[in-house]
Amino acid sequence: MVPTGSMEETILVGDFMLVTKFNYGIKLPFTTKTIIPTGEPKKGEIIVFRYPLDPDSPQPEDRYVRIFPKFFPLLPIYWSKDKKFFHWYAPRNFVKRCVATEGDTVAVINKVLYVNGQKQFEPYVIHKDNWLSNGLSGIERDSFQKLWEKGLLIDQIRIRDNFGPVVVPKGHIFAMGDNRDNSADSRFFGPLNKKYLKGKPLVIYFSSDAAPNLLRIILSPQSIRWERIGRLVR
C-alpha cells in the first residue's frame, strides 16, 4: 500500500500495487545483495526501493536486542527493552521515478528538471505549491556534490526547486517523485545506490481513499476506488 502522496497523480495514497521483484536482479532474501543481475533501471521508469538512509537495525540500538544473528536475515526480530515485547523491524520502501542514471548531470532550475543540460518533458509531474525555494548560495559545485553524495542535504528544503548541478555517481541513479513539491527523493537523501532497488510496480490491484488507516479501509467499502483497480502503473 502506498502511504504518501509523493507520486500523485500517477499513484495515489491508498493504491495497493503488485510489484515485480526480478527486473533489476535476484537478491538474497531480506538483504540488498544481488546474486543474479537481470537488468538496469531506465529513465522514466517507476521504481520501488529501500530508503537508503534507513539503518539496518532499529534505533537507538541500545534499546533493542536482536533475537537472531545478523547472518540469518530472514527473521529481523528484536526485543524492545522499553516496551518489554518483541519488535519486527523492516526498513521502509519508497516508490519514485528514475529520472537519471550514472554519469548524468542533474539540475533543477525553478522547479524544472534538466538532465545533461536538456529540459525534460514530464507530463506526469505536478506542482501544488506556488512557493519557489531559492537553493543554496555560496557553495562551490564540488562541495555541493560531496554534501549531496553523503546525504547531508536531507533537511535542506531550500534545494527543492533549485538544485545542483550534480553528477550521478557510478552504480547509482537519481530518483524523484512525480509530486515534486511534496517528495523526499534524491534531491535530499542523495544518489540512490542500485543495490537498494527492489523492483517495478506493475498494476494497481486495489485502491481506497480511506487510506492509510487499514482499519478504515476494511470498514469503508464505499471508499473503494473501483476505477483504479486493474490500472497499469506507468
C-alpha atoms as a PDB file:
ATOM      1  CA  MET A   1       0.000   0.000   0.000  1.00  0.00           C
ATOM      2  CA  VAL A   2       1.196   3.491  -0.871  1.00  0.00           C
ATOM      3  CA  PRO A   3       1.043   5.635   2.325  1.00  0.00           C
ATOM      4  CA  THR A   4       2.115   9.055   0.977  1.00  0.00           C
ATOM      5  CA  GLY A   5       1.304  11.361  -1.912  1.00  0.00           C
ATOM      6  CA  SER A   6       4.798  11.800  -3.350  1.00  0.00           C
ATOM      7  CA  MET A   7       3.800  10.125  -6.641  1.00  0.00           C
ATOM      8  CA  GLU A   8       0.458  11.885  -7.173  1.00  0.00           C
ATOM      9  CA  GLU A   9      -1.326  11.924  -9.544  1.00  0.00           C
ATOM     10  CA  THR A  10       0.300   8.815 -11.046  1.00  0.00           C
ATOM     11  CA  ILE A  11      -0.021   6.806  -7.840  1.00  0.00           C
ATOM     12  CA  LEU A  12      -2.389   7.823  -5.048  1.00  0.00           C
ATOM     13  CA  VAL A  13      -2.381   7.275  -1.302  1.00  0.00           C
ATOM     14  CA  GLY A  14      -4.246   4.007  -0.751  1.00  0.00           C
ATOM     15  CA  ASP A  15      -3.210   2.327  -4.003  1.00  0.00           C
ATOM     16  CA  PHE A  16      -2.230  -1.306  -3.476  1.00  0.00           C
ATOM     17  CA  MET A  17       0.248  -2.451  -6.120  1.00  0.00           C
ATOM     18  CA  LEU A  18       1.713  -5.689  -7.343  1.00  0.00           C
ATOM     19  CA  VAL A  19       5.484  -5.311  -7.703  1.00  0.00           C
ATOM     20  CA  THR A  20       7.731  -7.426  -9.912  1.00  0.00           C
ATOM     21  CA  LYS A  21      10.920  -8.110  -7.976  1.00  0.00           C
ATOM     22  CA  PHE A  22      13.211  -9.524 -10.640  1.00  0.00           C
ATOM     23  CA  ASN A  23      13.647  -6.563 -13.001  1.00  0.00           C
ATOM     24  CA  TYR A  24      16.941  -5.387 -11.539  1.00  0.00           C
ATOM     25  CA  GLY A  25      18.346  -8.588 -10.081  1.00  0.00           C
ATOM     26  CA  ILE A  26      17.592 -11.587  -7.916  1.00  0.00           C
ATOM     27  CA  LYS A  27      18.632 -10.809  -4.362  1.00  0.00           C
ATOM     28  CA  LEU A  28      19.468 -12.868  -1.327  1.00  0.00           C
ATOM     29  CA  PRO A  29      16.205 -12.744   0.682  1.00  0.00           C
ATOM     30  CA  PHE A  30      15.929  -9.845   3.183  1.00  0.00           C
ATOM     31  CA  THR A  31      19.255  -8.376   2.032  1.00  0.00           C
ATOM     32  CA  THR A  32      20.471  -5.873  -0.576  1.00  0.00           C
ATOM     33  CA  LYS A  33      22.936  -8.378  -2.076  1.00  0.00           C
ATOM     34  CA  THR A  34      22.257  -9.161  -5.749  1.00  0.00           C
ATOM     35  CA  ILE A  35      23.181 -12.730  -6.635  1.00  0.00           C
ATOM     36  CA  ILE A  36      21.930 -12.706 -10.265  1.00  0.00           C
ATOM     37  CA  PRO A  37      21.770  -9.364 -12.153  1.00  0.00           C
ATOM     38  CA  THR A  38      18.818  -9.217 -14.561  1.00  0.00           C
ATOM     39  CA  GLY A  39      18.566  -5.632 -15.776  1.00  0.00           C
ATOM     40  CA  GLU A  40      19.197  -1.935 -15.266  1.00  0.00           C
ATOM     41  CA  PRO A  41      16.766   0.864 -14.389  1.00  0.00           C
ATOM     42  CA  LYS A  42      15.889   3.186 -17.258  1.00  0.00           C
ATOM     43  CA  LYS A  43      14.975   6.850 -17.259  1.00  0.00           C
ATOM     44  CA  GLY A  44      11.259   7.324 -16.811  1.00  0.00           C
ATOM     45  CA  GLU A  45      10.658   4.012 -15.055  1.00  0.00           C
ATOM     46  CA  ILE A  46       8.790   3.907 -11.748  1.00  0.00           C
ATOM     47  CA  ILE A  47      10.822   2.005  -9.181  1.00  0.00           C
ATOM     48  CA  VAL A  48      10.396   0.532  -5.710  1.00  0.00           C
ATOM     49  CA  PHE A  49      13.413   0.682  -3.417  1.00  0.00           C
ATOM     50  CA  ARG A  50      14.533   0.561   0.169  1.00  0.00           C
ATOM     51  CA  TYR A  51      15.004   4.009   1.663  1.00  0.00           C
ATOM     52  CA  PRO A  52      18.819   4.352   1.607  1.00  0.00           C
ATOM     53  CA  LEU A  53      19.143   6.232   4.903  1.00  0.00           C
ATOM     54  CA  ASP A  54      17.247   3.618   6.924  1.00  0.00           C
ATOM     55  CA  PRO A  55      19.593   1.873   9.372  1.00  0.00           C
ATOM     56  CA  ASP A  56      19.959  -1.906   9.292  1.00  0.00           C
ATOM     57  CA  SER A  57      18.545  -2.145  12.817  1.00  0.00           C
ATOM     58  CA  PRO A  58      16.057  -0.099  14.895  1.00  0.00           C
ATOM     59  CA  GLN A  59      17.373   2.980  16.648  1.00  0.00           C
ATOM     60  CA  PRO A  60      18.699   3.694  19.186  1.00  0.00           C
ATOM     61  CA  GLU A  61      20.448   0.344  19.151  1.00  0.00           C
ATOM     62  CA  ASP A  62      20.969   0.230  22.911  1.00  0.00           C
ATOM     63  CA  ARG A  63      17.186  -0.109  23.379  1.00  0.00           C
ATOM     64  CA  TYR A  64      16.853  -3.234  21.235  1.00  0.00           C
ATOM     65  CA  VAL A  65      18.258  -6.738  21.398  1.00  0.00           C
ATOM     66  CA  ARG A  66      18.406  -8.793  18.208  1.00  0.00           C
ATOM     67  CA  ILE A  67      16.973 -12.273  18.679  1.00  0.00           C
ATOM     68  CA  PHE A  68      18.625 -13.923  15.688  1.00  0.00           C
ATOM     69  CA  PRO A  69      22.194 -13.182  14.466  1.00  0.00           C
ATOM     70  CA  LYS A  70      22.804 -10.833  11.517  1.00  0.00           C
ATOM     71  CA  PHE A  71      23.959 -13.677   9.277  1.00  0.00           C
ATOM     72  CA  PHE A  72      20.386 -15.051   9.485  1.00  0.00           C
ATOM     73  CA  PRO A  73      18.448 -12.129   7.949  1.00  0.00           C
ATOM     74  CA  LEU A  74      15.134 -13.940   7.371  1.00  0.00           C
ATOM     75  CA  LEU A  75      13.896 -13.099  10.868  1.00  0.00           C
ATOM     76  CA  PRO A  76      14.756  -9.478  11.811  1.00  0.00           C
ATOM     77  CA  ILE A  77      13.092  -9.794  15.210  1.00  0.00           C
ATOM     78  CA  TYR A  78      14.214  -7.685  18.165  1.00  0.00           C
ATOM     79  CA  TRP A  79      13.341  -7.404  21.832  1.00  0.00           C
ATOM     80  CA  SER A  80      12.339  -3.879  22.825  1.00  0.00           C
ATOM     81  CA  LYS A  81      13.752  -3.046  26.250  1.00  0.00           C
ATOM     82  CA  ASP A  82      11.296  -0.151  26.603  1.00  0.00           C
ATOM     83  CA  LYS A  83       8.093  -1.986  25.630  1.00  0.00           C
ATOM     84  CA  LYS A  84       9.225  -5.350  27.020  1.00  0.00           C
ATOM     85  CA  PHE A  85       7.961  -7.033  23.884  1.00  0.00           C
ATOM     86  CA  PHE A  86       9.076  -8.340  20.510  1.00  0.00           C
ATOM     87  CA  HIS A  87       9.637  -5.874  17.655  1.00  0.00           C
ATOM     88  CA  TRP A  88       9.780  -6.736  13.946  1.00  0.00           C
ATOM     89  CA  TYR A  89      11.992  -4.258  12.100  1.00  0.00           C
ATOM     90  CA  ALA A  90      11.645  -3.819   8.357  1.00  0.00           C
ATOM     91  CA  PRO A  91      13.243  -0.855   6.520  1.00  0.00           C
ATOM     92  CA  ARG A  92      10.847   1.410   4.613  1.00  0.00           C
ATOM     93  CA  ASN A  93      10.102   1.005   0.914  1.00  0.00           C
ATOM     94  CA  PHE A  94       9.759   4.070  -1.323  1.00  0.00           C
ATOM     95  CA  VAL A  95       8.135   4.465  -4.744  1.00  0.00           C
ATOM     96  CA  LYS A  96       9.635   7.081  -7.089  1.00  0.00           C
ATOM     97  CA  ARG A  97      10.570   7.580 -10.722  1.00  0.00           C
ATOM     98  CA  CYS A  98      14.077   7.126 -12.114  1.00  0.00           C
ATOM     99  CA  VAL A  99      14.932  10.407 -13.849  1.00  0.00           C
ATOM    100  CA  ALA A 100      18.683   9.940 -14.432  1.00  0.00           C
ATOM    101  CA  THR A 101      21.299   7.194 -14.375  1.00  0.00           C
ATOM    102  CA  GLU A 102      25.016   7.033 -13.631  1.00  0.00           C
ATOM    103  CA  GLY A 103      27.099   9.691 -15.345  1.00  0.00           C
ATOM    104  CA  ASP A 104      24.162  12.027 -15.968  1.00  0.00           C
ATOM    105  CA  THR A 105      24.289  15.652 -14.829  1.00  0.00           C
ATOM    106  CA  VAL A 106      21.117  16.648 -12.983  1.00  0.00           C
ATOM    107  CA  ALA A 107      19.848  20.124 -12.147  1.00  0.00           C
ATOM    108  CA  VAL A 108      16.532  21.629 -11.117  1.00  0.00           C
ATOM    109  CA  ILE A 109      16.006  25.261 -12.113  1.00  0.00           C
ATOM    110  CA  ASN A 110      12.846  26.992 -10.910  1.00  0.00           C
ATOM    111  CA  LYS A 111      11.059  23.640 -10.486  1.00  0.00           C
ATOM    112  CA  VAL A 112      12.071  22.392 -13.957  1.00  0.00           C
ATOM    113  CA  LEU A 113      14.259  19.275 -14.290  1.00  0.00           C
ATOM    114  CA  TYR A 114      17.280  19.314 -16.596  1.00  0.00           C
ATOM    115  CA  VAL A 115      19.366  16.224 -17.403  1.00  0.00           C
ATOM    116  CA  ASN A 116      22.650  16.775 -19.228  1.00  0.00           C
ATOM    117  CA  GLY A 117      21.549  20.323 -19.893  1.00  0.00           C
ATOM    118  CA  GLN A 118      18.316  19.285 -21.593  1.00  0.00           C
ATOM    119  CA  LYS A 119      14.907  20.299 -20.262  1.00  0.00           C
ATOM    120  CA  GLN A 120      12.914  17.138 -19.559  1.00  0.00           C
ATOM    121  CA  PHE A 121       9.425  16.506 -20.934  1.00  0.00           C
ATOM    122  CA  GLU A 122       7.482  15.165 -17.941  1.00  0.00           C
ATOM    123  CA  PRO A 123       3.703  15.278 -18.495  1.00  0.00           C
ATOM    124  CA  TYR A 124       3.119  13.240 -15.319  1.00  0.00           C
ATOM    125  CA  VAL A 125       4.725  15.815 -12.975  1.00  0.00           C
ATOM    126  CA  ILE A 126       2.572  18.085 -10.812  1.00  0.00           C
ATOM    127  CA  HIS A 127       3.304  21.101  -8.607  1.00  0.00           C
ATOM    128  CA  LYS A 128       0.943  22.049  -5.781  1.00  0.00           C
ATOM    129  CA  ASP A 129       2.981  24.738  -4.045  1.00  0.00           C
ATOM    130  CA  ASN A 130       3.459  28.179  -5.580  1.00  0.00           C
ATOM    131  CA  TRP A 131       6.341  28.980  -3.230  1.00  0.00           C
ATOM    132  CA  LEU A 132       9.706  28.887  -5.003  1.00  0.00           C
ATOM    133  CA  SER A 133      12.752  27.885  -2.955  1.00  0.00           C
ATOM    134  CA  ASN A 134      15.926  29.750  -3.874  1.00  0.00           C
ATOM    135  CA  GLY A 135      18.519  26.989  -3.475  1.00  0.00           C
ATOM    136  CA  LEU A 136      21.797  27.148  -1.575  1.00  0.00           C
ATOM    137  CA  SER A 137      24.060  30.067  -2.369  1.00  0.00           C
ATOM    138  CA  GLY A 138      27.772  30.435  -1.714  1.00  0.00           C
ATOM    139  CA  ILE A 139      28.581  26.732  -2.112  1.00  0.00           C
ATOM    140  CA  GLU A 140      31.013  25.613  -4.823  1.00  0.00           C
ATOM    141  CA  ARG A 141      29.885  22.883  -7.186  1.00  0.00           C
ATOM    142  CA  ASP A 142      32.393  20.311  -5.867  1.00  0.00           C
ATOM    143  CA  SER A 143      31.347  20.992  -2.279  1.00  0.00           C
ATOM    144  CA  PHE A 144      27.660  20.698  -3.187  1.00  0.00           C
ATOM    145  CA  GLN A 145      28.352  17.382  -4.923  1.00  0.00           C
ATOM    146  CA  LYS A 146      30.100  15.992  -1.830  1.00  0.00           C
ATOM    147  CA  LEU A 147      27.344  17.139   0.550  1.00  0.00           C
ATOM    148  CA  TRP A 148      24.744  15.619  -1.731  1.00  0.00           C
ATOM    149  CA  GLU A 149      26.521  12.276  -2.112  1.00  0.00           C
ATOM    150  CA  LYS A 150      26.832  11.963   1.671  1.00  0.00           C
ATOM    151  CA  GLY A 151      23.115  12.633   2.197  1.00  0.00           C
ATOM    152  CA  LEU A 152      23.828  15.806   4.164  1.00  0.00           C
ATOM    153  CA  LEU A 153      21.175  17.847   2.341  1.00  0.00           C
ATOM    154  CA  ILE A 154      18.333  15.795   3.801  1.00  0.00           C
ATOM    155  CA  ASP A 155      16.821  18.735   5.720  1.00  0.00           C
ATOM    156  CA  GLN A 156      17.569  21.479   3.194  1.00  0.00           C
ATOM    157  CA  ILE A 157      14.116  22.423   1.892  1.00  0.00           C
ATOM    158  CA  ARG A 158      15.756  25.332   0.011  1.00  0.00           C
ATOM    159  CA  ILE A 159      17.096  22.919  -2.638  1.00  0.00           C
ATOM    160  CA  ARG A 160      13.637  21.647  -3.569  1.00  0.00           C
ATOM    161  CA  ASP A 161      13.063  23.958  -6.546  1.00  0.00           C
ATOM    162  CA  ASN A 162      16.636  24.989  -7.373  1.00  0.00           C
ATOM    163  CA  PHE A 163      19.083  22.121  -7.095  1.00  0.00           C
ATOM    164  CA  GLY A 164      22.506  21.133  -8.365  1.00  0.00           C
ATOM    165  CA  PRO A 165      24.001  20.584 -10.780  1.00  0.00           C
ATOM    166  CA  VAL A 166      25.328  17.202  -9.652  1.00  0.00           C
ATOM    167  CA  VAL A 167      26.705  14.174 -11.459  1.00  0.00           C
ATOM    168  CA  VAL A 168      25.118  10.812 -10.652  1.00  0.00           C
ATOM    169  CA  PRO A 169      27.929   8.516  -9.395  1.00  0.00           C
ATOM    170  CA  LYS A 170      28.690   5.103 -10.834  1.00  0.00           C
ATOM    171  CA  GLY A 171      26.359   2.404  -9.557  1.00  0.00           C
ATOM    172  CA  HIS A 172      23.644   4.920  -8.637  1.00  0.00           C
ATOM    173  CA  ILE A 173      20.542   6.563 -10.087  1.00  0.00           C
ATOM    174  CA  PHE A 174      18.586   9.757  -9.394  1.00  0.00           C
ATOM    175  CA  ALA A 175      15.006   9.185  -8.187  1.00  0.00           C
ATOM    176  CA  MET A 176      12.235  11.787  -7.903  1.00  0.00           C
ATOM    177  CA  GLY A 177       8.554  11.756  -7.048  1.00  0.00           C
ATOM    178  CA  ASP A 178       6.020  12.975  -9.602  1.00  0.00           C
ATOM    179  CA  ASN A 179       4.547  15.290  -6.949  1.00  0.00           C
ATOM    180  CA  ARG A 180       7.678  17.418  -6.979  1.00  0.00           C
ATOM    181  CA  ASP A 181       6.679  19.831  -4.202  1.00  0.00           C
ATOM    182  CA  ASN A 182       5.966  17.013  -1.742  1.00  0.00           C
ATOM    183  CA  SER A 183       8.553  14.312  -2.311  1.00  0.00           C
ATOM    184  CA  ALA A 184      11.510  13.168  -0.234  1.00  0.00           C
ATOM    185  CA  ASP A 185      13.762  11.985  -3.032  1.00  0.00           C
ATOM    186  CA  SER A 186      17.310  12.082  -4.405  1.00  0.00           C
ATOM    187  CA  ARG A 187      17.431  15.849  -4.144  1.00  0.00           C
ATOM    188  CA  PHE A 188      17.527  15.347  -0.388  1.00  0.00           C
ATOM    189  CA  PHE A 189      18.763  11.856   0.510  1.00  0.00           C
ATOM    190  CA  GLY A 190      21.371  11.778  -2.250  1.00  0.00           C
ATOM    191  CA  PRO A 191      22.098   9.368  -5.109  1.00  0.00           C
ATOM    192  CA  LEU A 192      20.281   6.048  -4.880  1.00  0.00           C
ATOM    193  CA  ASN A 193      22.595   3.051  -4.868  1.00  0.00           C
ATOM    194  CA  LYS A 194      21.221   0.413  -7.243  1.00  0.00           C
ATOM    195  CA  LYS A 195      21.683  -2.240  -4.568  1.00  0.00           C
ATOM    196  CA  TYR A 196      18.592  -0.808  -2.832  1.00  0.00           C
ATOM    197  CA  LEU A 197      16.325  -1.379  -5.844  1.00  0.00           C
ATOM    198  CA  LYS A 198      13.544  -3.890  -5.196  1.00  0.00           C
ATOM    199  CA  GLY A 199      11.565  -3.876  -8.414  1.00  0.00           C
ATOM    200  CA  LYS A 200       8.908  -2.170 -10.515  1.00  0.00           C
ATOM    201  CA  PRO A 201       5.223  -1.669  -9.692  1.00  0.00           C
ATOM    202  CA  LEU A 202       3.154  -3.469 -12.293  1.00  0.00           C
ATOM    203  CA  VAL A 203      -0.557  -2.992 -11.629  1.00  0.00           C
ATOM    204  CA  ILE A 204      -2.934  -1.497  -9.043  1.00  0.00           C
ATOM    205  CA  TYR A 205      -4.975  -4.404  -7.678  1.00  0.00           C
ATOM    206  CA  PHE A 206      -6.913  -2.417  -5.046  1.00  0.00           C
ATOM    207  CA  SER A 207      -7.412   1.235  -4.121  1.00  0.00           C
ATOM    208  CA  SER A 208      -9.210   3.097  -1.350  1.00  0.00           C
ATOM    209  CA  ASP A 209      -9.379   6.753  -0.331  1.00  0.00           C
ATOM    210  CA  ALA A 210      -9.824   5.632   3.294  1.00  0.00           C
ATOM    211  CA  ALA A 211      -6.059   5.036   3.438  1.00  0.00           C
ATOM    212  CA  PRO A 212      -3.612   4.946   5.039  1.00  0.00           C
ATOM    213  CA  ASN A 213      -5.535   3.555   8.066  1.00  0.00           C
ATOM    214  CA  LEU A 214      -6.024  -0.159   7.378  1.00  0.00           C
ATOM    215  CA  LEU A 215      -8.986  -0.454   9.748  1.00  0.00           C
ATOM    216  CA  ARG A 216     -10.793   2.399   7.988  1.00  0.00           C
ATOM    217  CA  ILE A 217     -10.124   0.697   4.652  1.00  0.00           C
ATOM    218  CA  ILE A 218     -11.714  -2.534   5.885  1.00  0.00           C
ATOM    219  CA  LEU A 219     -14.730  -0.738   7.378  1.00  0.00           C
ATOM    220  CA  SER A 220     -15.259   1.630   4.422  1.00  0.00           C
ATOM    221  CA  PRO A 221     -16.200  -0.372   1.308  1.00  0.00           C
ATOM    222  CA  GLN A 222     -17.825   2.780  -0.089  1.00  0.00           C
ATOM    223  CA  SER A 223     -14.352   4.307  -0.297  1.00  0.00           C
ATOM    224  CA  ILE A 224     -13.059   1.773  -2.814  1.00  0.00           C
ATOM    225  CA  ARG A 225     -11.829   3.475  -5.999  1.00  0.00           C
ATOM    226  CA  TRP A 226     -13.115   0.913  -8.472  1.00  0.00           C
ATOM    227  CA  GLU A 227     -11.903   2.896 -11.484  1.00  0.00           C
ATOM    228  CA  ARG A 228      -8.260   2.451 -10.411  1.00  0.00           C
ATOM    229  CA  ILE A 229      -8.351  -1.315  -9.926  1.00  0.00           C
ATOM    230  CA  GLY A 230      -6.513  -3.087 -12.734  1.00  0.00           C
ATOM    231  CA  ARG A 231      -4.733   0.075 -13.896  1.00  0.00           C
ATOM    232  CA  LEU A 232      -1.180  -0.464 -15.128  1.00  0.00           C
ATOM    233  CA  VAL A 233       1.446   1.669 -13.365  1.00  0.00           C
ATOM    234  CA  ARG A 234       3.407   3.850 -15.788  1.00  0.00           C
END
